[in-house]
Amino acid sequence: MTPGRGWIEPFLEARAAELGAAANTLAAYRRDLDDFTGWLDRKSLGLDSATQTDIETYLVDLDAQGLATATRARRLSAIRQLYVFAFEERLRDDNPAARIKGPGRSQRLPKTLSESDVDHLLDAARRVGRNDPDRARNTCLMELLYATGMRVTELVSLPVSAARGNPEMLLVRGKGGKERMVPLSAPARTALTDWLALRDRAEDAARAAGKPASAFLFPSRGKLGHLTRNRFYLLVKEMAVAGGVSPAKVTPHTLRHAFATHLLAHGADLRAIQVLLGHADVATTEIYTHVLDERLRSLVEDHHPLAKAAAARTKGEPPAGD
């Protein structure tokens, strides 16, 4: 066992207690630190003795393996935070990761969908499913996701109590346990009402059979008690196929991106979008301005008559109208 590996559990417990880190975040920390300690094992090193040079060598190895810049940056972030914890807890009297400059994160524009794509997906949601309850649930999921821009985990784990009383706003618990209010569109409220009626009918039947009631809006018989992220991911792919939209470009997260870019395209304030998305820093939200810039540039290049004429000259074709 790698010397110092026992630091990982108390580190994760501290992240959960101090920052309210979500289960997915903690799982990512664990995976990254397990990879690092596995590498140390193979080098006969330990967390308690690793030097700055050792950590830098590890990062070089990750690069040689072809890992993405974002992945390497995330691994280093986990290592840095572990060593900050170890230093503060006096498990080490130094922090070997403190002066390491990370690989940086390339600014990758988020993939999004056109408004037409979203219309096709919402229409498909009304048709995909084995029965009426399945179709009502799928419609509710998609309408809520596009109307609010919620993260997938926030959506599938929504408590049913948040949806009672035909609300115009939903209370969402996001990262770090932070709460925010998001407004519902009229179609989303209708879909929510329709799904609740069918959901409650099924829950009443389950209680009559001696089964416990579910606290979730989208209940499941699985271990979590609610629809899983993976199951919803697969459902979205089914809806993409049914709606004639390329499944390769459709995920639950692209609908969150579509929510933001479509709001921005229709004149919404960037800080308002920041609040709706639950971003801690407006700089995170600003990436959507780049997405919009790209879309506007493409729009001009594809449709402006002067751009068309320039393209025709490049290809050696006579300009339109000549």
C-alpha atoms as a PDB file:
ATOM      1  CA  MET A   1       0.000   0.000   0.000  1.00  0.00           C
ATOM      2  CA  THR A   2       1.293   3.440  -0.947  1.00  0.00           C
ATOM      3  CA  PRO A   3       2.535   5.291   2.152  1.00  0.00           C
ATOM      4  CA  GLY A   4       0.085   8.126   2.749  1.00  0.00           C
ATOM      5  CA  ARG A   5      -2.797   6.465   0.883  1.00  0.00           C
ATOM      6  CA  GLY A   6      -4.713   6.600   4.164  1.00  0.00           C
ATOM      7  CA  TRP A   7      -4.873  10.392   3.750  1.00  0.00           C
ATOM      8  CA  ILE A   8      -7.397  10.095   0.929  1.00  0.00           C
ATOM      9  CA  GLU A   9     -10.449   9.094   3.001  1.00  0.00           C
ATOM     10  CA  PRO A  10     -10.137  11.916   5.559  1.00  0.00           C
ATOM     11  CA  PHE A  11      -9.427  14.332   2.686  1.00  0.00           C
ATOM     12  CA  LEU A  12     -12.656  13.323   0.943  1.00  0.00           C
ATOM     13  CA  GLU A  13     -14.579  13.556   4.205  1.00  0.00           C
ATOM     14  CA  ALA A  14     -13.224  17.081   4.686  1.00  0.00           C
ATOM     15  CA  ARG A  15     -14.290  18.064   1.144  1.00  0.00           C
ATOM     16  CA  ALA A  16     -17.770  16.780   1.840  1.00  0.00           C
ATOM     17  CA  ALA A  17     -18.045  18.474   5.230  1.00  0.00           C
ATOM     18  CA  GLU A  18     -16.423  21.831   4.462  1.00  0.00           C
ATOM     19  CA  LEU A  19     -17.517  22.433   0.869  1.00  0.00           C
ATOM     20  CA  GLY A  20     -20.593  20.242   0.574  1.00  0.00           C
ATOM     21  CA  ALA A  21     -18.971  18.497  -2.377  1.00  0.00           C
ATOM     22  CA  ALA A  22     -21.414  16.369  -4.347  1.00  0.00           C
ATOM     23  CA  ALA A  23     -21.057  12.588  -4.595  1.00  0.00           C
ATOM     24  CA  ASN A  24     -19.975  12.859  -8.249  1.00  0.00           C
ATOM     25  CA  THR A  25     -17.250  15.363  -7.343  1.00  0.00           C
ATOM     26  CA  LEU A  26     -15.964  13.156  -4.534  1.00  0.00           C
ATOM     27  CA  ALA A  27     -15.955  10.144  -6.857  1.00  0.00           C
ATOM     28  CA  ALA A  28     -13.879  12.128  -9.385  1.00  0.00           C
ATOM     29  CA  TYR A  29     -11.377  13.115  -6.673  1.00  0.00           C
ATOM     30  CA  ARG A  30     -11.091   9.479  -5.639  1.00  0.00           C
ATOM     31  CA  ARG A  31     -10.473   8.259  -9.201  1.00  0.00           C
ATOM     32  CA  ASP A  32      -7.815  10.892  -9.840  1.00  0.00           C
ATOM     33  CA  LEU A  33      -6.005  10.262  -6.566  1.00  0.00           C
ATOM     34  CA  ASP A  34      -6.197   6.489  -7.015  1.00  0.00           C
ATOM     35  CA  ASP A  35      -4.522   6.894 -10.391  1.00  0.00           C
ATOM     36  CA  PHE A  36      -1.756   9.025  -8.858  1.00  0.00           C
ATOM     37  CA  THR A  37      -1.153   6.670  -5.934  1.00  0.00           C
ATOM     38  CA  GLY A  38      -1.131   3.717  -8.344  1.00  0.00           C
ATOM     39  CA  TRP A  39       1.613   5.467 -10.306  1.00  0.00           C
ATOM     40  CA  LEU A  40       3.530   6.113  -7.077  1.00  0.00           C
ATOM     41  CA  ASP A  41       3.209   2.411  -6.197  1.00  0.00           C
ATOM     42  CA  ARG A  42       4.857   1.439  -9.454  1.00  0.00           C
ATOM     43  CA  LYS A  43       7.719   3.856  -8.712  1.00  0.00           C
ATOM     44  CA  SER A  44       8.073   2.586  -5.105  1.00  0.00           C
ATOM     45  CA  LEU A  45       7.089   6.048  -3.861  1.00  0.00           C
ATOM     46  CA  GLY A  46       4.440   7.327  -1.472  1.00  0.00           C
ATOM     47  CA  LEU A  47       2.299  10.396  -0.906  1.00  0.00           C
ATOM     48  CA  ASP A  48       4.395  11.110   2.177  1.00  0.00           C
ATOM     49  CA  SER A  49       7.662  11.222   0.228  1.00  0.00           C
ATOM     50  CA  ALA A  50       6.758  12.325  -3.315  1.00  0.00           C
ATOM     51  CA  THR A  51       8.614  15.441  -4.465  1.00  0.00           C
ATOM     52  CA  GLN A  52       7.734  18.212  -6.891  1.00  0.00           C
ATOM     53  CA  THR A  53       9.850  16.424  -9.509  1.00  0.00           C
ATOM     54  CA  ASP A  54       7.903  13.195  -8.959  1.00  0.00           C
ATOM     55  CA  ILE A  55       4.568  14.944  -9.502  1.00  0.00           C
ATOM     56  CA  GLU A  56       5.869  16.701 -12.617  1.00  0.00           C
ATOM     57  CA  THR A  57       7.113  13.344 -13.956  1.00  0.00           C
ATOM     58  CA  TYR A  58       3.630  11.903 -13.361  1.00  0.00           C
ATOM     59  CA  LEU A  59       2.075  14.745 -15.370  1.00  0.00           C
ATOM     60  CA  VAL A  60       4.557  14.166 -18.201  1.00  0.00           C
ATOM     61  CA  ASP A  61       3.558  10.485 -18.204  1.00  0.00           C
ATOM     62  CA  LEU A  62      -0.115  11.480 -18.478  1.00  0.00           C
ATOM     63  CA  ASP A  63       0.719  13.678 -21.456  1.00  0.00           C
ATOM     64  CA  ALA A  64       2.633  10.805 -23.076  1.00  0.00           C
ATOM     65  CA  GLN A  65      -0.457   8.617 -22.650  1.00  0.00           C
ATOM     66  CA  GLY A  66      -2.414  11.146 -24.697  1.00  0.00           C
ATOM     67  CA  LEU A  67      -4.693  12.341 -21.898  1.00  0.00           C
ATOM     68  CA  ALA A  68      -6.556  15.557 -22.660  1.00  0.00           C
ATOM     69  CA  THR A  69      -5.316  18.835 -21.221  1.00  0.00           C
ATOM     70  CA  ALA A  70      -8.473  19.183 -19.126  1.00  0.00           C
ATOM     71  CA  THR A  71      -7.972  15.705 -17.635  1.00  0.00           C
ATOM     72  CA  ARG A  72      -4.356  16.441 -16.704  1.00  0.00           C
ATOM     73  CA  ALA A  73      -5.360  19.781 -15.185  1.00  0.00           C
ATOM     74  CA  ARG A  74      -8.067  18.074 -13.141  1.00  0.00           C
ATOM     75  CA  ARG A  75      -5.631  15.415 -11.872  1.00  0.00           C
ATOM     76  CA  LEU A  76      -3.175  18.097 -10.779  1.00  0.00           C
ATOM     77  CA  SER A  77      -5.962  20.021  -9.052  1.00  0.00           C
ATOM     78  CA  ALA A  78      -6.879  16.931  -7.003  1.00  0.00           C
ATOM     79  CA  ILE A  79      -3.223  16.354  -6.074  1.00  0.00           C
ATOM     80  CA  ARG A  80      -2.776  20.000  -5.074  1.00  0.00           C
ATOM     81  CA  GLN A  81      -5.846  19.935  -2.854  1.00  0.00           C
ATOM     82  CA  LEU A  82      -4.751  16.692  -1.202  1.00  0.00           C
ATOM     83  CA  TYR A  83      -1.357  18.169  -0.358  1.00  0.00           C
ATOM     84  CA  VAL A  84      -2.920  21.387   0.955  1.00  0.00           C
ATOM     85  CA  PHE A  85      -4.995  19.172   3.253  1.00  0.00           C
ATOM     86  CA  ALA A  86      -1.915  17.142   4.265  1.00  0.00           C
ATOM     87  CA  PHE A  87       0.048  20.313   5.045  1.00  0.00           C
ATOM     88  CA  GLU A  88      -2.775  21.881   7.059  1.00  0.00           C
ATOM     89  CA  GLU A  89      -3.265  18.637   8.991  1.00  0.00           C
ATOM     90  CA  ARG A  90       0.513  18.405   9.587  1.00  0.00           C
ATOM     91  CA  LEU A  91       0.765  15.121   7.764  1.00  0.00           C
ATOM     92  CA  ARG A  92       3.586  16.727   5.784  1.00  0.00           C
ATOM     93  CA  ASP A  93       5.652  19.783   6.578  1.00  0.00           C
ATOM     94  CA  ASP A  94       5.717  20.908   2.943  1.00  0.00           C
ATOM     95  CA  ASN A  95       3.491  20.984  -0.141  1.00  0.00           C
ATOM     96  CA  PRO A  96       5.351  19.489  -3.124  1.00  0.00           C
ATOM     97  CA  ALA A  97       2.574  20.494  -5.536  1.00  0.00           C
ATOM     98  CA  ALA A  98       2.395  24.154  -4.537  1.00  0.00           C
ATOM     99  CA  ARG A  99       4.694  25.517  -7.253  1.00  0.00           C
ATOM    100  CA  ILE A 100       3.717  23.261 -10.132  1.00  0.00           C
ATOM    101  CA  LYS A 101       2.259  25.112 -13.061  1.00  0.00           C
ATOM    102  CA  GLY A 102      -0.625  23.192 -14.556  1.00  0.00           C
ATOM    103  CA  PRO A 103      -1.066  22.366 -18.237  1.00  0.00           C
ATOM    104  CA  GLY A 104      -3.886  24.909 -18.403  1.00  0.00           C
ATOM    105  CA  ARG A 105      -7.303  24.342 -19.850  1.00  0.00           C
ATOM    106  CA  SER A 106      -7.974  24.941 -23.495  1.00  0.00           C
ATOM    107  CA  GLN A 107     -11.163  26.904 -23.881  1.00  0.00           C
ATOM    108  CA  ARG A 108     -13.383  24.424 -25.664  1.00  0.00           C
ATOM    109  CA  LEU A 109     -16.683  25.841 -26.791  1.00  0.00           C
ATOM    110  CA  PRO A 110     -19.636  23.835 -25.489  1.00  0.00           C
ATOM    111  CA  LYS A 111     -21.659  21.941 -28.064  1.00  0.00           C
ATOM    112  CA  THR A 112     -25.169  23.234 -28.388  1.00  0.00           C
ATOM    113  CA  LEU A 113     -28.321  22.654 -30.418  1.00  0.00           C
ATOM    114  CA  SER A 114     -30.390  24.808 -32.727  1.00  0.00           C
ATOM    115  CA  GLU A 115     -33.889  25.827 -31.718  1.00  0.00           C
ATOM    116  CA  SER A 116     -35.179  23.552 -34.474  1.00  0.00           C
ATOM    117  CA  ASP A 117     -33.236  20.617 -33.002  1.00  0.00           C
ATOM    118  CA  VAL A 118     -34.799  21.258 -29.600  1.00  0.00           C
ATOM    119  CA  ASP A 119     -38.295  21.427 -31.125  1.00  0.00           C
ATOM    120  CA  HIS A 120     -37.714  18.019 -32.726  1.00  0.00           C
ATOM    121  CA  LEU A 121     -36.472  16.552 -29.425  1.00  0.00           C
ATOM    122  CA  LEU A 122     -39.440  17.891 -27.456  1.00  0.00           C
ATOM    123  CA  ASP A 123     -41.816  16.499 -30.057  1.00  0.00           C
ATOM    124  CA  ALA A 124     -40.042  13.120 -29.956  1.00  0.00           C
ATOM    125  CA  ALA A 125     -40.321  13.009 -26.153  1.00  0.00           C
ATOM    126  CA  ARG A 126     -44.107  12.859 -26.544  1.00  0.00           C
ATOM    127  CA  ARG A 127     -43.738   9.734 -28.700  1.00  0.00           C
ATOM    128  CA  VAL A 128     -40.874   7.829 -27.044  1.00  0.00           C
ATOM    129  CA  GLY A 129     -41.903   5.354 -24.347  1.00  0.00           C
ATOM    130  CA  ARG A 130     -43.622   2.024 -23.786  1.00  0.00           C
ATOM    131  CA  ASN A 131     -46.842   3.549 -22.425  1.00  0.00           C
ATOM    132  CA  ASP A 132     -48.564   6.802 -21.465  1.00  0.00           C
ATOM    133  CA  PRO A 133     -46.738   7.192 -18.117  1.00  0.00           C
ATOM    134  CA  ASP A 134     -43.340   6.707 -19.814  1.00  0.00           C
ATOM    135  CA  ARG A 135     -44.174   9.276 -22.473  1.00  0.00           C
ATOM    136  CA  ALA A 136     -45.494  11.739 -19.891  1.00  0.00           C
ATOM    137  CA  ARG A 137     -42.320  11.327 -17.811  1.00  0.00           C
ATOM    138  CA  ASN A 138     -40.061  11.781 -20.840  1.00  0.00           C
ATOM    139  CA  THR A 139     -41.961  14.899 -21.894  1.00  0.00           C
ATOM    140  CA  CYS A 140     -41.688  16.323 -18.384  1.00  0.00           C
ATOM    141  CA  LEU A 141     -37.963  15.589 -18.202  1.00  0.00           C
ATOM    142  CA  MET A 142     -37.218  17.307 -21.506  1.00  0.00           C
ATOM    143  CA  GLU A 143     -39.502  20.294 -20.938  1.00  0.00           C
ATOM    144  CA  LEU A 144     -38.018  20.903 -17.478  1.00  0.00           C
ATOM    145  CA  LEU A 145     -34.454  20.544 -18.706  1.00  0.00           C
ATOM    146  CA  TYR A 146     -34.863  22.971 -21.591  1.00  0.00           C
ATOM    147  CA  ALA A 147     -36.991  25.423 -19.578  1.00  0.00           C
ATOM    148  CA  THR A 148     -34.570  25.644 -16.647  1.00  0.00           C
ATOM    149  CA  GLY A 149     -31.088  24.642 -17.827  1.00  0.00           C
ATOM    150  CA  MET A 150     -30.689  22.390 -14.790  1.00  0.00           C
ATOM    151  CA  ARG A 151     -27.737  20.063 -14.454  1.00  0.00           C
ATOM    152  CA  VAL A 152     -28.661  16.436 -15.094  1.00  0.00           C
ATOM    153  CA  THR A 153     -28.125  15.384 -11.480  1.00  0.00           C
ATOM    154  CA  GLU A 154     -30.285  18.274 -10.275  1.00  0.00           C
ATOM    155  CA  LEU A 155     -33.081  17.211 -12.612  1.00  0.00           C
ATOM    156  CA  VAL A 156     -33.221  13.470 -11.990  1.00  0.00           C
ATOM    157  CA  SER A 157     -32.945  13.898  -8.203  1.00  0.00           C
ATOM    158  CA  LEU A 158     -35.642  16.573  -7.859  1.00  0.00           C
ATOM    159  CA  PRO A 159     -37.828  15.946  -4.790  1.00  0.00           C
ATOM    160  CA  VAL A 160     -41.511  15.648  -5.605  1.00  0.00           C
ATOM    161  CA  SER A 161     -42.253  18.236  -2.908  1.00  0.00           C
ATOM    162  CA  ALA A 162     -40.618  20.883  -5.122  1.00  0.00           C
ATOM    163  CA  ALA A 163     -43.220  20.263  -7.818  1.00  0.00           C
ATOM    164  CA  ARG A 164     -46.391  20.424  -5.737  1.00  0.00           C
ATOM    165  CA  GLY A 165     -48.958  23.194  -6.127  1.00  0.00           C
ATOM    166  CA  ASN A 166     -48.470  23.954  -9.840  1.00  0.00           C
ATOM    167  CA  PRO A 167     -45.383  26.108  -9.143  1.00  0.00           C
ATOM    168  CA  GLU A 168     -44.246  28.917 -11.402  1.00  0.00           C
ATOM    169  CA  MET A 169     -40.724  28.547  -9.955  1.00  0.00           C
ATOM    170  CA  LEU A 170     -38.745  25.465  -8.909  1.00  0.00           C
ATOM    171  CA  LEU A 171     -36.328  25.378  -5.991  1.00  0.00           C
ATOM    172  CA  VAL A 172     -33.184  23.579  -7.173  1.00  0.00           C
ATOM    173  CA  ARG A 173     -30.344  22.377  -4.977  1.00  0.00           C
ATOM    174  CA  GLY A 174     -27.114  22.642  -6.933  1.00  0.00           C
ATOM    175  CA  LYS A 175     -23.408  22.131  -6.391  1.00  0.00           C
ATOM    176  CA  GLY A 176     -22.205  22.529  -2.836  1.00  0.00           C
ATOM    177  CA  GLY A 177     -25.800  22.412  -1.608  1.00  0.00           C
ATOM    178  CA  LYS A 178     -26.472  25.918  -2.959  1.00  0.00           C
ATOM    179  CA  GLU A 179     -30.113  26.603  -3.717  1.00  0.00           C
ATOM    180  CA  ARG A 180     -31.559  28.712  -6.517  1.00  0.00           C
ATOM    181  CA  MET A 181     -34.981  29.436  -7.970  1.00  0.00           C
ATOM    182  CA  VAL A 182     -35.617  28.771 -11.654  1.00  0.00           C
ATOM    183  CA  PRO A 183     -38.792  29.816 -13.511  1.00  0.00           C
ATOM    184  CA  LEU A 184     -40.919  27.345 -15.439  1.00  0.00           C
ATOM    185  CA  SER A 185     -42.316  27.933 -18.909  1.00  0.00           C
ATOM    186  CA  ALA A 186     -45.992  27.277 -19.621  1.00  0.00           C
ATOM    187  CA  PRO A 187     -45.229  24.041 -21.562  1.00  0.00           C
ATOM    188  CA  ALA A 188     -43.021  22.839 -18.695  1.00  0.00           C
ATOM    189  CA  ARG A 189     -45.766  23.503 -16.138  1.00  0.00           C
ATOM    190  CA  THR A 190     -48.285  21.606 -18.274  1.00  0.00           C
ATOM    191  CA  ALA A 191     -45.910  18.663 -18.681  1.00  0.00           C
ATOM    192  CA  LEU A 192     -45.216  18.685 -14.945  1.00  0.00           C
ATOM    193  CA  THR A 193     -48.933  18.641 -14.081  1.00  0.00           C
ATOM    194  CA  ASP A 194     -49.603  15.782 -16.508  1.00  0.00           C
ATOM    195  CA  TRP A 195     -46.696  13.705 -15.198  1.00  0.00           C
ATOM    196  CA  LEU A 196     -47.549  14.316 -11.526  1.00  0.00           C
ATOM    197  CA  ALA A 197     -51.091  12.988 -12.045  1.00  0.00           C
ATOM    198  CA  LEU A 198     -49.796   9.724 -13.521  1.00  0.00           C
ATOM    199  CA  ARG A 199     -46.886   9.464 -11.077  1.00  0.00           C
ATOM    200  CA  ASP A 200     -49.155   9.921  -8.049  1.00  0.00           C
ATOM    201  CA  ARG A 201     -51.598   7.341  -9.376  1.00  0.00           C
ATOM    202  CA  ALA A 202     -48.774   4.795  -9.654  1.00  0.00           C
ATOM    203  CA  GLU A 203     -47.472   5.736  -6.198  1.00  0.00           C
ATOM    204  CA  ASP A 204     -50.928   5.274  -4.672  1.00  0.00           C
ATOM    205  CA  ALA A 205     -51.105   1.790  -6.169  1.00  0.00           C
ATOM    206  CA  ALA A 206     -47.631   0.980  -4.844  1.00  0.00           C
ATOM    207  CA  ARG A 207     -48.543   2.136  -1.328  1.00  0.00           C
ATOM    208  CA  ALA A 208     -51.703   0.035  -1.456  1.00  0.00           C
ATOM    209  CA  ALA A 209     -49.441  -2.940  -2.204  1.00  0.00           C
ATOM    210  CA  GLY A 210     -47.358  -2.150   0.880  1.00  0.00           C
ATOM    211  CA  LYS A 211     -44.440  -0.440  -0.863  1.00  0.00           C
ATOM    212  CA  PRO A 212     -42.927   2.781   0.558  1.00  0.00           C
ATOM    213  CA  ALA A 213     -43.667   6.094  -1.116  1.00  0.00           C
ATOM    214  CA  SER A 214     -40.927   7.761  -3.156  1.00  0.00           C
ATOM    215  CA  ALA A 215     -39.651  11.215  -2.259  1.00  0.00           C
ATOM    216  CA  PHE A 216     -38.527  11.878  -5.850  1.00  0.00           C
ATOM    217  CA  LEU A 217     -40.321  13.442  -8.786  1.00  0.00           C
ATOM    218  CA  PHE A 218     -38.891  10.780 -11.099  1.00  0.00           C
ATOM    219  CA  PRO A 219     -38.900   7.634  -8.936  1.00  0.00           C
ATOM    220  CA  SER A 220     -37.143   4.412  -9.808  1.00  0.00           C
ATOM    221  CA  ARG A 221     -36.846   0.968  -8.261  1.00  0.00           C
ATOM    222  CA  GLY A 222     -33.032   1.253  -8.424  1.00  0.00           C
ATOM    223  CA  LYS A 223     -30.659   1.789  -5.531  1.00  0.00           C
ATOM    224  CA  LEU A 224     -30.756   5.588  -5.734  1.00  0.00           C
ATOM    225  CA  GLY A 225     -34.549   5.653  -5.691  1.00  0.00           C
ATOM    226  CA  HIS A 226     -34.733   7.980  -8.673  1.00  0.00           C
ATOM    227  CA  LEU A 227     -34.012   7.892 -12.397  1.00  0.00           C
ATOM    228  CA  THR A 228     -30.258   7.675 -12.939  1.00  0.00           C
ATOM    229  CA  ARG A 229     -28.092   9.991 -15.011  1.00  0.00           C
ATOM    230  CA  ASN A 230     -27.093   7.071 -17.253  1.00  0.00           C
ATOM    231  CA  ARG A 231     -30.684   6.036 -17.899  1.00  0.00           C
ATOM    232  CA  PHE A 232     -31.648   9.591 -18.793  1.00  0.00           C
ATOM    233  CA  TYR A 233     -28.612   9.819 -21.095  1.00  0.00           C
ATOM    234  CA  LEU A 234     -29.865   6.755 -22.983  1.00  0.00           C
ATOM    235  CA  LEU A 235     -33.399   8.152 -23.113  1.00  0.00           C
ATOM    236  CA  VAL A 236     -32.129  11.374 -24.683  1.00  0.00           C
ATOM    237  CA  LYS A 237     -30.307   9.351 -27.346  1.00  0.00           C
ATOM    238  CA  GLU A 238     -33.562   7.496 -28.111  1.00  0.00           C
ATOM    239  CA  MET A 239     -35.399  10.801 -28.455  1.00  0.00           C
ATOM    240  CA  ALA A 240     -32.688  12.125 -30.783  1.00  0.00           C
ATOM    241  CA  VAL A 241     -33.124   9.138 -33.100  1.00  0.00           C
ATOM    242  CA  ALA A 242     -36.922   9.451 -32.981  1.00  0.00           C
ATOM    243  CA  GLY A 243     -36.709  13.186 -33.654  1.00  0.00           C
ATOM    244  CA  GLY A 244     -34.326  12.925 -36.582  1.00  0.00           C
ATOM    245  CA  VAL A 245     -31.527  14.745 -34.732  1.00  0.00           C
ATOM    246  CA  SER A 246     -27.998  13.316 -34.828  1.00  0.00           C
ATOM    247  CA  PRO A 247     -27.522  11.352 -31.559  1.00  0.00           C
ATOM    248  CA  ALA A 248     -23.813  12.208 -31.674  1.00  0.00           C
ATOM    249  CA  LYS A 249     -24.531  15.839 -30.827  1.00  0.00           C
ATOM    250  CA  VAL A 250     -27.315  15.307 -28.272  1.00  0.00           C
ATOM    251  CA  THR A 251     -26.729  14.724 -24.561  1.00  0.00           C
ATOM    252  CA  PRO A 252     -28.579  16.047 -21.513  1.00  0.00           C
ATOM    253  CA  HIS A 253     -25.772  18.584 -21.085  1.00  0.00           C
ATOM    254  CA  THR A 254     -26.129  19.956 -24.617  1.00  0.00           C
ATOM    255  CA  LEU A 255     -29.708  20.850 -23.712  1.00  0.00           C
ATOM    256  CA  ARG A 256     -28.347  22.871 -20.775  1.00  0.00           C
ATOM    257  CA  HIS A 257     -26.032  24.628 -23.225  1.00  0.00           C
ATOM    258  CA  ALA A 258     -28.933  25.176 -25.616  1.00  0.00           C
ATOM    259  CA  PHE A 259     -30.950  26.772 -22.807  1.00  0.00           C
ATOM    260  CA  ALA A 260     -28.157  29.287 -22.181  1.00  0.00           C
ATOM    261  CA  THR A 261     -27.271  30.094 -25.787  1.00  0.00           C
ATOM    262  CA  HIS A 262     -30.903  30.473 -26.870  1.00  0.00           C
ATOM    263  CA  LEU A 263     -31.600  32.844 -23.973  1.00  0.00           C
ATOM    264  CA  LEU A 264     -28.523  34.867 -24.866  1.00  0.00           C
ATOM    265  CA  ALA A 265     -29.478  34.940 -28.551  1.00  0.00           C
ATOM    266  CA  HIS A 266     -32.873  36.358 -27.597  1.00  0.00           C
ATOM    267  CA  GLY A 267     -31.379  39.172 -25.530  1.00  0.00           C
ATOM    268  CA  ALA A 268     -31.175  37.760 -21.980  1.00  0.00           C
ATOM    269  CA  ASP A 269     -28.712  39.360 -19.592  1.00  0.00           C
ATOM    270  CA  LEU A 270     -25.539  37.332 -18.992  1.00  0.00           C
ATOM    271  CA  ARG A 271     -25.751  37.705 -15.209  1.00  0.00           C
ATOM    272  CA  ALA A 272     -29.349  36.497 -15.219  1.00  0.00           C
ATOM    273  CA  ILE A 273     -28.215  33.395 -17.129  1.00  0.00           C
ATOM    274  CA  GLN A 274     -25.423  32.930 -14.582  1.00  0.00           C
ATOM    275  CA  VAL A 275     -27.979  32.827 -11.765  1.00  0.00           C
ATOM    276  CA  LEU A 276     -30.283  30.456 -13.636  1.00  0.00           C
ATOM    277  CA  LEU A 277     -27.437  28.053 -14.410  1.00  0.00           C
ATOM    278  CA  GLY A 278     -26.091  28.180 -10.861  1.00  0.00           C
ATOM    279  CA  HIS A 279     -22.599  29.290 -11.901  1.00  0.00           C
ATOM    280  CA  ALA A 280     -20.541  30.686  -9.019  1.00  0.00           C
ATOM    281  CA  ASP A 281     -18.576  32.976 -11.349  1.00  0.00           C
ATOM    282  CA  VAL A 282     -19.886  34.911 -14.339  1.00  0.00           C
ATOM    283  CA  ALA A 283     -16.627  34.060 -16.142  1.00  0.00           C
ATOM    284  CA  THR A 284     -17.938  30.499 -16.481  1.00  0.00           C
ATOM    285  CA  THR A 285     -21.089  31.808 -18.132  1.00  0.00           C
ATOM    286  CA  GLU A 286     -19.176  34.084 -20.520  1.00  0.00           C
ATOM    287  CA  ILE A 287     -18.199  31.121 -22.688  1.00  0.00           C
ATOM    288  CA  TYR A 288     -21.711  31.240 -24.133  1.00  0.00           C
ATOM    289  CA  THR A 289     -20.950  34.628 -25.654  1.00  0.00           C
ATOM    290  CA  HIS A 290     -18.232  32.879 -27.696  1.00  0.00           C
ATOM    291  CA  VAL A 291     -20.721  30.248 -28.819  1.00  0.00           C
ATOM    292  CA  LEU A 292     -23.072  32.998 -29.926  1.00  0.00           C
ATOM    293  CA  ASP A 293     -20.221  34.837 -31.690  1.00  0.00           C
ATOM    294  CA  GLU A 294     -19.437  31.662 -33.640  1.00  0.00           C
ATOM    295  CA  ARG A 295     -23.088  31.206 -34.606  1.00  0.00           C
ATOM    296  CA  LEU A 296     -23.381  34.832 -35.751  1.00  0.00           C
ATOM    297  CA  ARG A 297     -20.171  34.563 -37.763  1.00  0.00           C
ATOM    298  CA  SER A 298     -21.441  31.391 -39.455  1.00  0.00           C
ATOM    299  CA  LEU A 299     -24.773  33.077 -40.121  1.00  0.00           C
ATOM    300  CA  VAL A 300     -23.052  35.975 -41.922  1.00  0.00           C
ATOM    301  CA  GLU A 301     -20.729  33.682 -43.873  1.00  0.00           C
ATOM    302  CA  ASP A 302     -23.589  31.447 -44.971  1.00  0.00           C
ATOM    303  CA  HIS A 303     -26.226  34.042 -45.784  1.00  0.00           C
ATOM    304  CA  HIS A 304     -24.703  37.479 -46.423  1.00  0.00           C
ATOM    305  CA  PRO A 305     -24.750  38.230 -50.191  1.00  0.00           C
ATOM    306  CA  LEU A 306     -21.194  39.652 -50.177  1.00  0.00           C
ATOM    307  CA  ALA A 307     -19.900  36.548 -48.378  1.00  0.00           C
ATOM    308  CA  LYS A 308     -21.657  34.370 -50.958  1.00  0.00           C
ATOM    309  CA  ALA A 309     -20.110  36.357 -53.792  1.00  0.00           C
ATOM    310  CA  ALA A 310     -16.633  36.008 -52.253  1.00  0.00           C
ATOM    311  CA  ALA A 311     -17.115  32.268 -51.859  1.00  0.00           C
ATOM    312  CA  ALA A 312     -18.230  31.981 -55.485  1.00  0.00           C
ATOM    313  CA  ARG A 313     -15.141  33.870 -56.698  1.00  0.00           C
ATOM    314  CA  THR A 314     -12.910  31.569 -54.647  1.00  0.00           C
ATOM    315  CA  LYS A 315     -14.477  28.550 -56.351  1.00  0.00           C
ATOM    316  CA  GLY A 316     -14.253  30.179 -59.772  1.00  0.00           C
ATOM    317  CA  GLU A 317     -18.030  30.357 -60.134  1.00  0.00           C
ATOM    318  CA  PRO A 318     -19.895  33.420 -61.432  1.00  0.00           C
ATOM    319  CA  PRO A 319     -21.527  35.401 -58.606  1.00  0.00           C
ATOM    320  CA  ALA A 320     -25.255  34.945 -58.206  1.00  0.00           C
ATOM    321  CA  GLY A 321     -27.163  37.216 -60.537  1.00  0.00           C
ATOM    322  CA  ASP A 322     -24.349  37.612 -63.132  1.00  0.00           C
END
